[in-house]
Amino acid sequence: MPKKWLILAAVLMMTAPLLLSAAQLNSPASRDLRRMESLKEEVRHQLVMLSYYSVFDWITGQVKPDGTVVLTGEVARP
């Protein structure tokens, strides 16, 4: 019987952080972080999908907290 309690305690200890993080998912800061990550992924996707993008190009994108996207780098073809 003590083994069952140990297993239950271990499961509760592993899931407690998940429950706490689930409660924080709806906070305004968390929503802003998700929006920023989504915007970063969209910028990356759009850069990769450029028709003249090649291995000789170096393009980076930075997303600022206000949502501004800054592109820098060098390209082989204009």
PDB file of N, CA and C in Angstrom:
ATOM      1  N   MET A   1       0.795  -1.201   0.000  1.00  0.00           N
ATOM      2  CA  MET A   1       0.000   0.000   0.000  1.00  0.00           C
ATOM      3  C   MET A   1       0.846   1.278   0.000  1.00  0.00           C
ATOM      4  N   PRO A   2       1.958   1.356   0.689  1.00  0.00           N
ATOM      5  CA  PRO A   2       2.766   2.561   0.655  1.00  0.00           C
ATOM      6  C   PRO A   2       3.279   2.886  -0.748  1.00  0.00           C
ATOM      7  N   LYS A   3       3.492   1.859  -1.586  1.00  0.00           N
ATOM      8  CA  LYS A   3       3.949   2.112  -2.955  1.00  0.00           C
ATOM      9  C   LYS A   3       2.924   2.933  -3.731  1.00  0.00           C
ATOM     10  N   LYS A   4       1.654   2.637  -3.534  1.00  0.00           N
ATOM     11  CA  LYS A   4       0.609   3.375  -4.234  1.00  0.00           C
ATOM     12  C   LYS A   4       0.642   4.849  -3.840  1.00  0.00           C
ATOM     13  N   TRP A   5       0.877   5.117  -2.567  1.00  0.00           N
ATOM     14  CA  TRP A   5       0.938   6.503  -2.106  1.00  0.00           C
ATOM     15  C   TRP A   5       2.148   7.228  -2.686  1.00  0.00           C
ATOM     16  N   LEU A   6       3.246   6.515  -2.806  1.00  0.00           N
ATOM     17  CA  LEU A   6       4.440   7.118  -3.396  1.00  0.00           C
ATOM     18  C   LEU A   6       4.208   7.443  -4.871  1.00  0.00           C
ATOM     19  N   ILE A   7       3.562   6.530  -5.561  1.00  0.00           N
ATOM     20  CA  ILE A   7       3.270   6.765  -6.980  1.00  0.00           C
ATOM     21  C   ILE A   7       2.313   7.937  -7.129  1.00  0.00           C
ATOM     22  N   LEU A   8       1.285   7.978  -6.287  1.00  0.00           N
ATOM     23  CA  LEU A   8       0.339   9.090  -6.337  1.00  0.00           C
ATOM     24  C   LEU A   8       1.019  10.416  -6.038  1.00  0.00           C
ATOM     25  N   ALA A   9       1.900  10.413  -5.039  1.00  0.00           N
ATOM     26  CA  ALA A   9       2.625  11.639  -4.696  1.00  0.00           C
ATOM     27  C   ALA A   9       3.522  12.077  -5.855  1.00  0.00           C
ATOM     28  N   ALA A  10       4.177  11.120  -6.507  1.00  0.00           N
ATOM     29  CA  ALA A  10       5.054  11.445  -7.638  1.00  0.00           C
ATOM     30  C   ALA A  10       4.245  12.023  -8.795  1.00  0.00           C
ATOM     31  N   VAL A  11       3.094  11.447  -9.068  1.00  0.00           N
ATOM     32  CA  VAL A  11       2.245  11.951 -10.149  1.00  0.00           C
ATOM     33  C   VAL A  11       1.768  13.366  -9.834  1.00  0.00           C
ATOM     34  N   LEU A  12       1.365  13.596  -8.599  1.00  0.00           N
ATOM     35  CA  LEU A  12       0.915  14.938  -8.210  1.00  0.00           C
ATOM     36  C   LEU A  12       2.040  15.954  -8.305  1.00  0.00           C
ATOM     37  N   MET A  13       3.244  15.569  -7.924  1.00  0.00           N
ATOM     38  CA  MET A  13       4.383  16.487  -7.997  1.00  0.00           C
ATOM     39  C   MET A  13       4.720  16.820  -9.446  1.00  0.00           C
ATOM     40  N   MET A  14       4.542  15.865 -10.350  1.00  0.00           N
ATOM     41  CA  MET A  14       4.853  16.117 -11.759  1.00  0.00           C
ATOM     42  C   MET A  14       3.771  16.951 -12.434  1.00  0.00           C
ATOM     43  N   THR A  15       2.521  16.797 -12.027  1.00  0.00           N
ATOM     44  CA  THR A  15       1.447  17.520 -12.692  1.00  0.00           C
ATOM     45  C   THR A  15       1.166  18.875 -12.075  1.00  0.00           C
ATOM     46  N   ALA A  16       1.633  19.156 -10.881  1.00  0.00           N
ATOM     47  CA  ALA A  16       1.373  20.443 -10.237  1.00  0.00           C
ATOM     48  C   ALA A  16       1.885  21.617 -11.065  1.00  0.00           C
ATOM     49  N   PRO A  17       3.114  21.568 -11.596  1.00  0.00           N
ATOM     50  CA  PRO A  17       3.559  22.695 -12.430  1.00  0.00           C
ATOM     51  C   PRO A  17       2.698  22.885 -13.677  1.00  0.00           C
ATOM     52  N   LEU A  18       2.191  21.791 -14.230  1.00  0.00           N
ATOM     53  CA  LEU A  18       1.333  21.905 -15.405  1.00  0.00           C
ATOM     54  C   LEU A  18       0.030  22.608 -15.054  1.00  0.00           C
ATOM     55  N   LEU A  19      -0.517  22.308 -13.904  1.00  0.00           N
ATOM     56  CA  LEU A  19      -1.752  22.949 -13.479  1.00  0.00           C
ATOM     57  C   LEU A  19      -1.528  24.432 -13.226  1.00  0.00           C
ATOM     58  N   LEU A  20      -0.400  24.768 -12.630  1.00  0.00           N
ATOM     59  CA  LEU A  20      -0.100  26.177 -12.378  1.00  0.00           C
ATOM     60  C   LEU A  20       0.111  26.932 -13.689  1.00  0.00           C
ATOM     61  N   SER A  21       0.827  26.318 -14.620  1.00  0.00           N
ATOM     62  CA  SER A  21       1.070  27.000 -15.889  1.00  0.00           C
ATOM     63  C   SER A  21      -0.221  27.117 -16.694  1.00  0.00           C
ATOM     64  N   ALA A  22      -1.120  26.162 -16.568  1.00  0.00           N
ATOM     65  CA  ALA A  22      -2.392  26.251 -17.274  1.00  0.00           C
ATOM     66  C   ALA A  22      -3.202  27.435 -16.754  1.00  0.00           C
ATOM     67  N   ALA A  23      -3.115  27.719 -15.463  1.00  0.00           N
ATOM     68  CA  ALA A  23      -3.837  28.857 -14.900  1.00  0.00           C
ATOM     69  C   ALA A  23      -3.238  30.170 -15.378  1.00  0.00           C
ATOM     70  N   GLN A  24      -1.955  30.182 -15.699  1.00  0.00           N
ATOM     71  CA  GLN A  24      -1.293  31.406 -16.134  1.00  0.00           C
ATOM     72  C   GLN A  24      -1.426  31.637 -17.633  1.00  0.00           C
ATOM     73  N   LEU A  25      -1.967  30.690 -18.385  1.00  0.00           N
ATOM     74  CA  LEU A  25      -2.065  30.830 -19.839  1.00  0.00           C
ATOM     75  C   LEU A  25      -2.974  31.978 -20.256  1.00  0.00           C
ATOM     76  N   ASN A  26      -3.932  32.327 -19.443  1.00  0.00           N
ATOM     77  CA  ASN A  26      -4.878  33.373 -19.807  1.00  0.00           C
ATOM     78  C   ASN A  26      -4.479  34.753 -19.310  1.00  0.00           C
ATOM     79  N   SER A  27      -3.303  34.880 -18.721  1.00  0.00           N
ATOM     80  CA  SER A  27      -2.869  36.186 -18.251  1.00  0.00           C
ATOM     81  C   SER A  27      -2.497  37.057 -19.446  1.00  0.00           C
ATOM     82  N   PRO A  28      -2.623  38.388 -19.319  1.00  0.00           N
ATOM     83  CA  PRO A  28      -2.274  39.286 -20.434  1.00  0.00           C
ATOM     84  C   PRO A  28      -0.825  39.124 -20.897  1.00  0.00           C
ATOM     85  N   ALA A  29       0.092  38.926 -19.963  1.00  0.00           N
ATOM     86  CA  ALA A  29       1.497  38.754 -20.348  1.00  0.00           C
ATOM     87  C   ALA A  29       1.680  37.492 -21.171  1.00  0.00           C
ATOM     88  N   SER A  30       0.971  36.436 -20.801  1.00  0.00           N
ATOM     89  CA  SER A  30       1.074  35.185 -21.539  1.00  0.00           C
ATOM     90  C   SER A  30       0.499  35.328 -22.948  1.00  0.00           C
ATOM     91  N   ARG A  31      -0.613  36.045 -23.053  1.00  0.00           N
ATOM     92  CA  ARG A  31      -1.199  36.257 -24.388  1.00  0.00           C
ATOM     93  C   ARG A  31      -0.255  37.067 -25.260  1.00  0.00           C
ATOM     94  N   ASP A  32       0.418  38.067 -24.691  1.00  0.00           N
ATOM     95  CA  ASP A  32       1.375  38.860 -25.458  1.00  0.00           C
ATOM     96  C   ASP A  32       2.539  38.002 -25.930  1.00  0.00           C
ATOM     97  N   LEU A  33       3.017  37.123 -25.057  1.00  0.00           N
ATOM     98  CA  LEU A  33       4.108  36.227 -25.452  1.00  0.00           C
ATOM     99  C   LEU A  33       3.685  35.304 -26.583  1.00  0.00           C
ATOM    100  N   ARG A  34       2.470  34.777 -26.504  1.00  0.00           N
ATOM    101  CA  ARG A  34       1.984  33.894 -27.579  1.00  0.00           C
ATOM    102  C   ARG A  34       1.851  34.659 -28.887  1.00  0.00           C
ATOM    103  N   ARG A  35       1.374  35.907 -28.823  1.00  0.00           N
ATOM    104  CA  ARG A  35       1.267  36.716 -30.040  1.00  0.00           C
ATOM    105  C   ARG A  35       2.639  36.982 -30.641  1.00  0.00           C
ATOM    106  N   MET A  36       3.619  37.297 -29.786  1.00  0.00           N
ATOM    107  CA  MET A  36       4.974  37.553 -30.277  1.00  0.00           C
ATOM    108  C   MET A  36       5.559  36.299 -30.926  1.00  0.00           C
ATOM    109  N   GLU A  37       5.368  35.146 -30.297  1.00  0.00           N
ATOM    110  CA  GLU A  37       5.881  33.903 -30.864  1.00  0.00           C
ATOM    111  C   GLU A  37       5.195  33.581 -32.187  1.00  0.00           C
ATOM    112  N   SER A  38       3.908  33.833 -32.260  1.00  0.00           N
ATOM    113  CA  SER A  38       3.165  33.600 -33.490  1.00  0.00           C
ATOM    114  C   SER A  38       3.663  34.522 -34.598  1.00  0.00           C
ATOM    115  N   LEU A  39       3.907  35.777 -34.251  1.00  0.00           N
ATOM    116  CA  LEU A  39       4.420  36.734 -35.234  1.00  0.00           C
ATOM    117  C   LEU A  39       5.816  36.341 -35.692  1.00  0.00           C
ATOM    118  N   LYS A  40       6.662  35.884 -34.777  1.00  0.00           N
ATOM    119  CA  LYS A  40       8.004  35.430 -35.141  1.00  0.00           C
ATOM    120  C   LYS A  40       7.935  34.263 -36.120  1.00  0.00           C
ATOM    121  N   GLU A  41       7.065  33.320 -35.847  1.00  0.00           N
ATOM    122  CA  GLU A  41       6.915  32.167 -36.734  1.00  0.00           C
ATOM    123  C   GLU A  41       6.403  32.583 -38.110  1.00  0.00           C
ATOM    124  N   GLU A  42       5.484  33.536 -38.154  1.00  0.00           N
ATOM    125  CA  GLU A  42       4.955  34.009 -39.435  1.00  0.00           C
ATOM    126  C   GLU A  42       6.035  34.731 -40.234  1.00  0.00           C
ATOM    127  N   VAL A  43       6.853  35.548 -39.569  1.00  0.00           N
ATOM    128  CA  VAL A  43       7.961  36.234 -40.253  1.00  0.00           C
ATOM    129  C   VAL A  43       8.936  35.213 -40.806  1.00  0.00           C
ATOM    130  N   ARG A  44       9.302  34.222 -39.997  1.00  0.00           N
ATOM    131  CA  ARG A  44      10.217  33.180 -40.463  1.00  0.00           C
ATOM    132  C   ARG A  44       9.642  32.443 -41.664  1.00  0.00           C
ATOM    133  N   HIS A  45       8.363  32.103 -41.587  1.00  0.00           N
ATOM    134  CA  HIS A  45       7.714  31.386 -42.687  1.00  0.00           C
ATOM    135  C   HIS A  45       7.729  32.225 -43.965  1.00  0.00           C
ATOM    136  N   GLN A  46       7.395  33.491 -43.857  1.00  0.00           N
ATOM    137  CA  GLN A  46       7.360  34.346 -45.040  1.00  0.00           C
ATOM    138  C   GLN A  46       8.751  34.527 -45.638  1.00  0.00           C
ATOM    139  N   LEU A  47       9.782  34.619 -44.814  1.00  0.00           N
ATOM    140  CA  LEU A  47      11.146  34.744 -45.336  1.00  0.00           C
ATOM    141  C   LEU A  47      11.581  33.478 -46.065  1.00  0.00           C
ATOM    142  N   VAL A  48      11.259  32.335 -45.510  1.00  0.00           N
ATOM    143  CA  VAL A  48      11.647  31.064 -46.131  1.00  0.00           C
ATOM    144  C   VAL A  48      10.898  30.843 -47.443  1.00  0.00           C
ATOM    145  N   MET A  49       9.689  31.368 -47.529  1.00  0.00           N
ATOM    146  CA  MET A  49       8.877  31.155 -48.725  1.00  0.00           C
ATOM    147  C   MET A  49       9.186  32.133 -49.857  1.00  0.00           C
ATOM    148  N   LEU A  50      10.122  33.062 -49.648  1.00  0.00           N
ATOM    149  CA  LEU A  50      10.479  33.985 -50.729  1.00  0.00           C
ATOM    150  C   LEU A  50      10.987  33.196 -51.931  1.00  0.00           C
ATOM    151  N   SER A  51      10.552  33.578 -53.121  1.00  0.00           N
ATOM    152  CA  SER A  51      10.887  32.788 -54.309  1.00  0.00           C
ATOM    153  C   SER A  51      12.368  32.854 -54.668  1.00  0.00           C
ATOM    154  N   TYR A  52      13.050  33.944 -54.365  1.00  0.00           N
ATOM    155  CA  TYR A  52      14.464  34.064 -54.714  1.00  0.00           C
ATOM    156  C   TYR A  52      15.385  33.830 -53.526  1.00  0.00           C
ATOM    157  N   TYR A  53      14.862  33.316 -52.432  1.00  0.00           N
ATOM    158  CA  TYR A  53      15.670  33.029 -51.246  1.00  0.00           C
ATOM    159  C   TYR A  53      16.519  31.796 -51.511  1.00  0.00           C
ATOM    160  N   SER A  54      17.821  31.879 -51.222  1.00  0.00           N
ATOM    161  CA  SER A  54      18.703  30.733 -51.460  1.00  0.00           C
ATOM    162  C   SER A  54      19.676  30.585 -50.293  1.00  0.00           C
ATOM    163  N   VAL A  55      20.535  29.583 -50.403  1.00  0.00           N
ATOM    164  CA  VAL A  55      21.513  29.338 -49.349  1.00  0.00           C
ATOM    165  C   VAL A  55      22.557  30.455 -49.275  1.00  0.00           C
ATOM    166  N   PHE A  56      22.626  31.289 -50.309  1.00  0.00           N
ATOM    167  CA  PHE A  56      23.595  32.378 -50.327  1.00  0.00           C
ATOM    168  C   PHE A  56      23.055  33.649 -49.689  1.00  0.00           C
ATOM    169  N   ASP A  57      21.817  33.637 -49.287  1.00  0.00           N
ATOM    170  CA  ASP A  57      21.201  34.796 -48.649  1.00  0.00           C
ATOM    171  C   ASP A  57      21.262  34.648 -47.133  1.00  0.00           C
ATOM    172  N   TRP A  58      21.384  35.778 -46.471  1.00  0.00           N
ATOM    173  CA  TRP A  58      21.376  35.797 -45.012  1.00  0.00           C
ATOM    174  C   TRP A  58      20.409  36.883 -44.575  1.00  0.00           C
ATOM    175  N   ILE A  59      19.263  36.468 -44.100  1.00  0.00           N
ATOM    176  CA  ILE A  59      18.223  37.402 -43.685  1.00  0.00           C
ATOM    177  C   ILE A  59      17.801  37.048 -42.263  1.00  0.00           C
ATOM    178  N   THR A  60      17.733  38.065 -41.402  1.00  0.00           N
ATOM    179  CA  THR A  60      17.236  37.852 -40.050  1.00  0.00           C
ATOM    180  C   THR A  60      16.075  38.795 -39.800  1.00  0.00           C
ATOM    181  N   GLY A  61      15.201  38.356 -38.963  1.00  0.00           N
ATOM    182  CA  GLY A  61      14.065  39.184 -38.589  1.00  0.00           C
ATOM    183  C   GLY A  61      14.005  39.316 -37.084  1.00  0.00           C
ATOM    184  N   GLN A  62      13.680  40.513 -36.630  1.00  0.00           N
ATOM    185  CA  GLN A  62      13.546  40.757 -35.199  1.00  0.00           C
ATOM    186  C   GLN A  62      12.171  41.356 -34.960  1.00  0.00           C
ATOM    187  N   VAL A  63      11.460  40.825 -33.990  1.00  0.00           N
ATOM    188  CA  VAL A  63      10.149  41.349 -33.633  1.00  0.00           C
ATOM    189  C   VAL A  63      10.301  42.119 -32.330  1.00  0.00           C
ATOM    190  N   LYS A  64       9.986  43.403 -32.370  1.00  0.00           N
ATOM    191  CA  LYS A  64      10.087  44.237 -31.176  1.00  0.00           C
ATOM    192  C   LYS A  64       8.808  44.102 -30.347  1.00  0.00           C
ATOM    193  N   PRO A  65       8.862  44.481 -29.079  1.00  0.00           N
ATOM    194  CA  PRO A  65       7.679  44.329 -28.215  1.00  0.00           C
ATOM    195  C   PRO A  65       6.430  45.056 -28.707  1.00  0.00           C
ATOM    196  N   ASP A  66       6.604  46.131 -29.484  1.00  0.00           N
ATOM    197  CA  ASP A  66       5.431  46.850 -29.998  1.00  0.00           C
ATOM    198  C   ASP A  66       4.883  46.234 -31.278  1.00  0.00           C
ATOM    199  N   GLY A  67       5.491  45.125 -31.739  1.00  0.00           N
ATOM    200  CA  GLY A  67       5.008  44.436 -32.930  1.00  0.00           C
ATOM    201  C   GLY A  67       5.730  44.826 -34.201  1.00  0.00           C
ATOM    202  N   THR A  68       6.676  45.747 -34.110  1.00  0.00           N
ATOM    203  CA  THR A  68       7.455  46.158 -35.265  1.00  0.00           C
ATOM    204  C   THR A  68       8.418  45.041 -35.654  1.00  0.00           C
ATOM    205  N   VAL A  69       8.506  44.760 -36.953  1.00  0.00           N
ATOM    206  CA  VAL A  69       9.407  43.735 -37.466  1.00  0.00           C
ATOM    207  C   VAL A  69      10.558  44.432 -38.174  1.00  0.00           C
ATOM    208  N   VAL A  70      11.798  44.091 -37.793  1.00  0.00           N
ATOM    209  CA  VAL A  70      12.982  44.674 -38.404  1.00  0.00           C
ATOM    210  C   VAL A  70      13.711  43.559 -39.132  1.00  0.00           C
ATOM    211  N   LEU A  71      13.922  43.739 -40.436  1.00  0.00           N
ATOM    212  CA  LEU A  71      14.653  42.766 -41.239  1.00  0.00           C
ATOM    213  C   LEU A  71      16.035  43.300 -41.532  1.00  0.00           C
ATOM    214  N   THR A  72      17.050  42.447 -41.371  1.00  0.00           N
ATOM    215  CA  THR A  72      18.424  42.804 -41.704  1.00  0.00           C
ATOM    216  C   THR A  72      19.061  41.620 -42.413  1.00  0.00           C
ATOM    217  N   GLY A  73      20.203  41.873 -43.056  1.00  0.00           N
ATOM    218  CA  GLY A  73      20.930  40.784 -43.691  1.00  0.00           C
ATOM    219  C   GLY A  73      21.505  41.187 -45.023  1.00  0.00           C
ATOM    220  N   GLU A  74      21.899  40.186 -45.768  1.00  0.00           N
ATOM    221  CA  GLU A  74      22.461  40.373 -47.097  1.00  0.00           C
ATOM    222  C   GLU A  74      21.860  39.345 -48.042  1.00  0.00           C
ATOM    223  N   VAL A  75      21.667  39.744 -49.287  1.00  0.00           N
ATOM    224  CA  VAL A  75      21.101  38.837 -50.284  1.00  0.00           C
ATOM    225  C   VAL A  75      21.982  38.831 -51.515  1.00  0.00           C
ATOM    226  N   ALA A  76      21.988  37.726 -52.240  1.00  0.00           N
ATOM    227  CA  ALA A  76      22.781  37.600 -53.449  1.00  0.00           C
ATOM    228  C   ALA A  76      22.122  38.317 -54.625  1.00  0.00           C
ATOM    229  N   ARG A  77      20.785  38.305 -54.657  1.00  0.00           N
ATOM    230  CA  ARG A  77      20.030  38.965 -55.716  1.00  0.00           C
ATOM    231  C   ARG A  77      19.091  39.981 -55.082  1.00  0.00           C
ATOM    232  N   PRO A  78      19.019  41.190 -55.672  1.00  0.00           N
ATOM    233  CA  PRO A  78      18.105  42.200 -55.093  1.00  0.00           C
ATOM    234  C   PRO A  78      16.642  41.801 -55.206  1.00  0.00           C
TER     235      PRO A  78
END
